[in-house]
Amino acid sequence: MSQFLYYLPGRENPPTLDELRAIGLGYAFEAKANHRIVRENGPDGGAGVVVSAMDDHEVGYFAQRQTWREAPGGKYWVGMISGAKPGPEDLQRGELLAGYRLQLGDGREWRIPVALEPAEIDGTIRAETCLPRLMDLDEQGNFCGGETVVPQFADLQAAAAAYYEAFEAATAGDGDVRFEFEDAAAVTVLQAQYRIDRVEVVMLGLLTYGGPEAANVLNLAIDLPGRLRLQKKRESAGSTSADGPPDGSPSTGPL
């Protein structure tokens, strides 16, 4: 399995998971990270430590067969084996949320989680969260599902909700969805399923500049296909009602 590598410049000892989270790499590791000390001539020309979810003997800095990119801010570098880009099966988390499969810019299919699902309430189609929620108590003291999404999916919920708001505004207006942080929100959606962030997305070529991938990811996160199916079902039911009984029996309405 191919995995990303991470070089931490200036370190002389392996980081703990808490230290990895502190520098912004919490998304990349779900368990212990293997490491190797780099004494000199690392990706930045200096010393540091390389960490990865790869097998221990594969972890290290090997300039001739690896590709590296410095992350914004310079706290770490992201690397991969040249010609062996990690794929969705390599990077997926232990448990995946339900959703859709979508081909992204690398030509491979990635699983997009559904955060909001359409529901008809009082004759209006609304979006309801379908992410795991924390337990709560009702007025009688009985356990029930609360309104708060579990912390690990809070960012996904926020990104989907913000995009849905823009989508609703477009539906009521000229139909053009204007969402300033579309690309960043798409990465947040992908991160709920995979151990990647912006640098990895760029290195893998998942999103293309001005391309449709980010919007496609977000449309699936708010379950636009499900919304369209529900709208079609409502329109079909309305048409059937207007045309008369579906079994061909005579109408009982006024002549």
Protein backbone atom coordinates (compact mmCIF):
# COMPACT_ATOMS: atom_id res chain seq x y z
CA MET A 1 0.00 0.00 0.00
CA SER A 2 1.28 3.42 -0.95
CA GLN A 3 1.13 6.13 1.70
CA PHE A 4 2.18 9.73 2.08
CA LEU A 5 5.31 10.61 4.06
CA TYR A 6 5.75 13.68 6.24
CA TYR A 7 9.05 15.39 6.97
CA LEU A 8 9.29 17.55 10.08
CA PRO A 9 12.30 19.86 9.75
CA GLY A 10 14.59 20.52 12.66
CA ARG A 11 13.36 17.66 14.88
CA GLU A 12 15.73 15.22 16.52
CA ASN A 13 13.15 12.79 17.94
CA PRO A 14 9.91 11.18 16.77
CA PRO A 15 6.71 13.14 17.42
CA THR A 16 3.76 11.92 19.45
CA LEU A 17 0.27 11.93 17.97
CA ASP A 18 -0.52 15.00 20.05
CA GLU A 19 2.51 16.80 18.59
CA LEU A 20 1.42 15.83 15.08
CA ARG A 21 -2.02 17.29 15.77
CA ALA A 22 -0.42 20.48 17.10
CA ILE A 23 1.36 21.15 13.80
CA GLY A 24 -1.73 20.35 11.72
CA LEU A 25 -1.14 16.71 10.84
CA GLY A 26 -3.84 15.17 13.00
CA TYR A 27 -5.82 14.28 9.87
CA ALA A 28 -3.02 12.09 8.52
CA PHE A 29 -2.71 9.56 11.34
CA GLU A 30 -5.26 7.41 13.13
CA ALA A 31 -2.71 5.29 14.96
CA LYS A 32 0.99 5.22 15.76
CA ALA A 33 3.23 6.75 13.08
CA ASN A 34 6.42 5.00 12.03
CA HIS A 35 9.48 7.26 11.79
CA ARG A 36 13.10 7.63 10.73
CA ILE A 37 15.55 10.33 11.73
CA VAL A 38 17.15 12.28 8.86
CA ARG A 39 20.59 13.47 9.97
CA GLU A 40 21.25 15.76 7.00
CA ASN A 41 20.21 16.66 3.47
CA GLY A 42 16.48 16.24 4.00
CA PRO A 43 13.90 17.75 1.60
CA ASP A 44 14.81 21.20 2.94
CA GLY A 45 18.54 20.46 2.84
CA GLY A 46 18.72 20.02 6.60
CA ALA A 47 17.96 17.50 9.32
CA GLY A 48 14.63 16.34 10.72
CA VAL A 49 12.40 13.29 11.01
CA VAL A 50 10.18 11.48 8.51
CA VAL A 51 6.90 9.96 9.73
CA SER A 52 4.40 7.85 7.83
CA ALA A 53 1.76 5.15 8.10
CA MET A 54 3.96 3.08 5.77
CA ASP A 55 5.70 -0.05 6.99
CA ASP A 56 8.71 0.85 9.11
CA HIS A 57 11.35 -0.31 6.60
CA GLU A 58 9.87 1.94 3.86
CA VAL A 59 9.93 5.13 5.92
CA GLY A 60 12.76 7.57 5.28
CA TYR A 61 14.06 10.22 2.92
CA PHE A 62 15.24 8.83 -0.41
CA ALA A 63 15.61 11.79 -2.77
CA GLN A 64 16.05 9.77 -5.96
CA ARG A 65 12.74 7.95 -5.70
CA GLN A 66 10.49 10.34 -3.83
CA THR A 67 8.60 13.54 -4.65
CA TRP A 68 8.26 16.20 -1.94
CA ARG A 69 6.34 19.45 -1.47
CA GLU A 70 6.60 21.94 1.38
CA ALA A 71 3.30 22.68 3.12
CA PRO A 72 2.26 26.33 3.51
CA GLY A 73 3.84 27.71 6.66
CA GLY A 74 6.83 25.38 6.46
CA LYS A 75 5.96 23.25 9.52
CA TYR A 76 6.19 20.05 7.48
CA TRP A 77 6.76 18.64 4.01
CA VAL A 78 4.58 16.07 2.24
CA GLY A 79 6.19 13.32 0.17
CA MET A 80 5.29 10.23 -1.83
CA ILE A 81 7.06 7.57 -3.83
CA SER A 82 7.55 8.93 -7.35
CA GLY A 83 5.21 7.24 -9.83
CA ALA A 84 3.19 5.57 -7.06
CA LYS A 85 0.50 8.01 -6.00
CA PRO A 86 -1.59 6.79 -3.07
CA GLY A 87 -5.19 6.03 -3.98
CA PRO A 88 -8.52 5.99 -2.16
CA GLU A 89 -8.03 2.45 -0.86
CA ASP A 90 -4.67 3.45 0.63
CA LEU A 91 -5.94 6.58 2.34
CA GLN A 92 -9.46 5.72 3.46
CA ARG A 93 -10.32 5.86 7.14
CA GLY A 94 -11.32 2.86 9.22
CA GLU A 95 -15.05 3.48 8.91
CA LEU A 96 -16.56 5.25 5.91
CA LEU A 97 -19.79 7.20 5.89
CA ALA A 98 -22.50 6.29 3.39
CA GLY A 99 -22.49 8.27 0.19
CA TYR A 100 -21.71 8.25 -3.51
CA ARG A 101 -18.75 7.25 -5.66
CA LEU A 102 -17.25 10.04 -7.74
CA GLN A 103 -14.37 10.10 -10.21
CA LEU A 104 -12.02 12.97 -9.45
CA GLY A 105 -9.16 14.56 -11.35
CA ASP A 106 -6.83 11.59 -10.87
CA GLY A 107 -9.24 9.32 -12.78
CA ARG A 108 -10.05 7.20 -9.74
CA GLU A 109 -13.31 6.87 -7.83
CA TRP A 110 -13.54 8.36 -4.35
CA ARG A 111 -16.38 7.90 -1.90
CA ILE A 112 -18.16 11.16 -1.10
CA PRO A 113 -20.07 11.20 2.22
CA VAL A 114 -23.63 12.50 2.41
CA ALA A 115 -23.92 15.00 5.25
CA LEU A 116 -27.40 16.36 4.51
CA GLU A 117 -30.28 14.37 3.08
CA PRO A 118 -33.51 15.75 1.60
CA ALA A 119 -36.77 15.34 3.47
CA GLU A 120 -40.27 16.61 2.74
CA ILE A 121 -41.60 18.49 5.75
CA ASP A 122 -44.95 20.31 5.62
CA GLY A 123 -44.91 20.21 1.85
CA THR A 124 -41.41 21.69 1.58
CA ILE A 125 -38.16 19.90 0.74
CA ARG A 126 -35.60 20.56 3.44
CA ALA A 127 -32.15 19.25 4.29
CA GLU A 128 -31.74 17.13 7.40
CA THR A 129 -28.40 16.02 8.81
CA CYS A 130 -27.72 12.31 8.46
CA LEU A 131 -24.38 12.33 10.29
CA PRO A 132 -23.91 10.58 13.65
CA ARG A 133 -25.17 12.76 16.50
CA LEU A 134 -24.53 12.91 20.20
CA MET A 135 -27.06 11.42 22.60
CA ASP A 136 -29.50 13.74 24.38
CA LEU A 137 -32.48 13.53 26.72
CA ASP A 138 -36.07 14.47 25.92
CA GLU A 139 -38.40 16.29 28.32
CA GLN A 140 -39.33 13.00 29.96
CA GLY A 141 -35.71 12.08 30.56
CA ASN A 142 -35.58 9.45 27.82
CA PHE A 143 -32.54 9.08 25.62
CA CYS A 144 -32.88 10.53 22.12
CA GLY A 145 -30.74 11.76 19.28
CA GLY A 146 -29.51 15.29 19.90
CA GLU A 147 -28.97 18.07 17.40
CA THR A 148 -25.18 18.14 17.82
CA VAL A 149 -23.11 16.15 15.34
CA VAL A 150 -20.26 14.11 16.85
CA PRO A 151 -17.06 16.21 16.98
CA GLN A 152 -15.17 14.26 14.31
CA PHE A 153 -17.76 15.26 11.70
CA ALA A 154 -18.42 18.82 12.87
CA ASP A 155 -16.31 20.34 10.07
CA LEU A 156 -18.07 18.20 7.46
CA GLN A 157 -21.45 19.30 8.78
CA ALA A 158 -20.44 22.97 8.73
CA ALA A 159 -19.09 22.79 5.17
CA ALA A 160 -22.19 21.02 3.85
CA ALA A 161 -24.53 23.42 5.66
CA ALA A 162 -22.73 26.48 4.26
CA TYR A 163 -22.84 25.10 0.73
CA TYR A 164 -26.49 24.15 1.10
CA GLU A 165 -27.28 27.73 2.12
CA ALA A 166 -25.59 28.98 -1.05
CA PHE A 167 -27.45 26.36 -3.08
CA GLU A 168 -30.80 27.43 -1.64
CA ALA A 169 -30.05 31.08 -2.39
CA ALA A 170 -29.21 30.17 -5.98
CA THR A 171 -32.41 28.14 -6.33
CA ALA A 172 -34.43 31.16 -5.23
CA GLY A 173 -32.41 33.50 -7.47
CA ASP A 174 -30.68 33.14 -10.83
CA GLY A 175 -29.66 29.52 -10.35
CA ASP A 176 -25.91 30.23 -10.21
CA VAL A 177 -24.39 28.80 -7.02
CA ARG A 178 -21.84 31.28 -5.67
CA PHE A 179 -19.76 29.76 -2.90
CA GLU A 180 -16.49 31.54 -2.17
CA PHE A 181 -14.78 28.63 -0.42
CA GLU A 182 -15.85 25.84 -2.77
CA ASP A 183 -12.46 24.17 -3.18
CA ALA A 184 -11.62 24.33 0.54
CA ALA A 185 -15.05 22.97 1.47
CA ALA A 186 -14.63 20.09 -0.98
CA VAL A 187 -11.35 19.17 0.72
CA THR A 188 -13.14 19.19 4.09
CA VAL A 189 -15.72 16.77 2.70
CA LEU A 190 -13.02 14.45 1.35
CA GLN A 191 -11.11 14.62 4.63
CA ALA A 192 -14.04 13.05 6.47
CA GLN A 193 -13.36 9.83 4.53
CA TYR A 194 -9.65 10.04 3.73
CA ARG A 195 -6.38 11.00 5.42
CA ILE A 196 -5.66 13.97 3.15
CA ASP A 197 -5.60 17.76 3.21
CA ARG A 198 -4.92 20.49 0.66
CA VAL A 199 -1.30 19.55 -0.14
CA GLU A 200 -2.20 15.91 -0.74
CA VAL A 201 -5.17 16.93 -2.90
CA VAL A 202 -2.84 19.02 -5.06
CA MET A 203 -0.17 16.30 -5.29
CA LEU A 204 -2.79 13.73 -6.29
CA GLY A 205 -4.44 16.05 -8.80
CA LEU A 206 -7.93 15.48 -7.37
CA LEU A 207 -9.25 18.95 -8.23
CA THR A 208 -8.59 20.86 -11.43
CA TYR A 209 -8.43 24.67 -11.60
CA GLY A 210 -11.82 25.93 -12.75
CA GLY A 211 -12.99 22.34 -13.12
CA PRO A 212 -16.20 20.70 -11.91
CA GLU A 213 -14.78 18.39 -9.26
CA ALA A 214 -15.22 20.60 -6.17
CA ALA A 215 -18.83 21.46 -7.01
CA ASN A 216 -19.55 17.80 -7.77
CA VAL A 217 -18.18 16.79 -4.36
CA LEU A 218 -20.33 19.37 -2.58
CA ASN A 219 -23.45 18.53 -4.57
CA LEU A 220 -23.13 14.93 -3.42
CA ALA A 221 -22.45 15.98 0.18
CA ILE A 222 -25.87 17.67 0.23
CA ASP A 223 -27.35 14.71 -1.70
CA LEU A 224 -28.46 16.71 -4.72
CA PRO A 225 -29.31 13.47 -6.61
CA GLY A 226 -31.66 12.50 -3.77
CA ARG A 227 -33.22 15.96 -3.80
CA LEU A 228 -33.84 15.76 -7.56
CA ARG A 229 -35.40 12.30 -7.17
CA LEU A 230 -37.71 13.62 -4.45
CA GLN A 231 -38.69 16.62 -6.59
CA LYS A 232 -39.41 14.36 -9.55
CA LYS A 233 -41.53 12.10 -7.35
CA ARG A 234 -43.56 15.10 -6.10
CA GLU A 235 -44.02 16.43 -9.63
CA SER A 236 -45.09 13.00 -10.84
CA ALA A 237 -47.60 12.67 -8.00
CA GLY A 238 -48.97 16.15 -8.76
CA SER A 239 -49.28 15.34 -12.44
CA THR A 240 -51.08 12.07 -11.73
CA SER A 241 -53.48 13.83 -9.37
CA ALA A 242 -54.23 16.50 -11.97
CA ASP A 243 -54.77 14.00 -14.80
CA GLY A 244 -57.12 11.77 -12.85
CA PRO A 245 -56.88 8.43 -11.07
CA PRO A 246 -53.89 6.37 -12.26
CA ASP A 247 -56.00 3.19 -12.75
CA GLY A 248 -58.17 4.80 -15.45
CA SER A 249 -61.36 4.84 -13.36
CA PRO A 250 -63.67 7.82 -13.91
CA SER A 251 -63.11 10.96 -11.89
CA THR A 252 -65.53 11.68 -9.10
CA GLY A 253 -65.03 15.43 -9.36
CA PRO A 254 -67.50 17.91 -10.85
CA LEU A 255 -68.18 17.79 -14.59
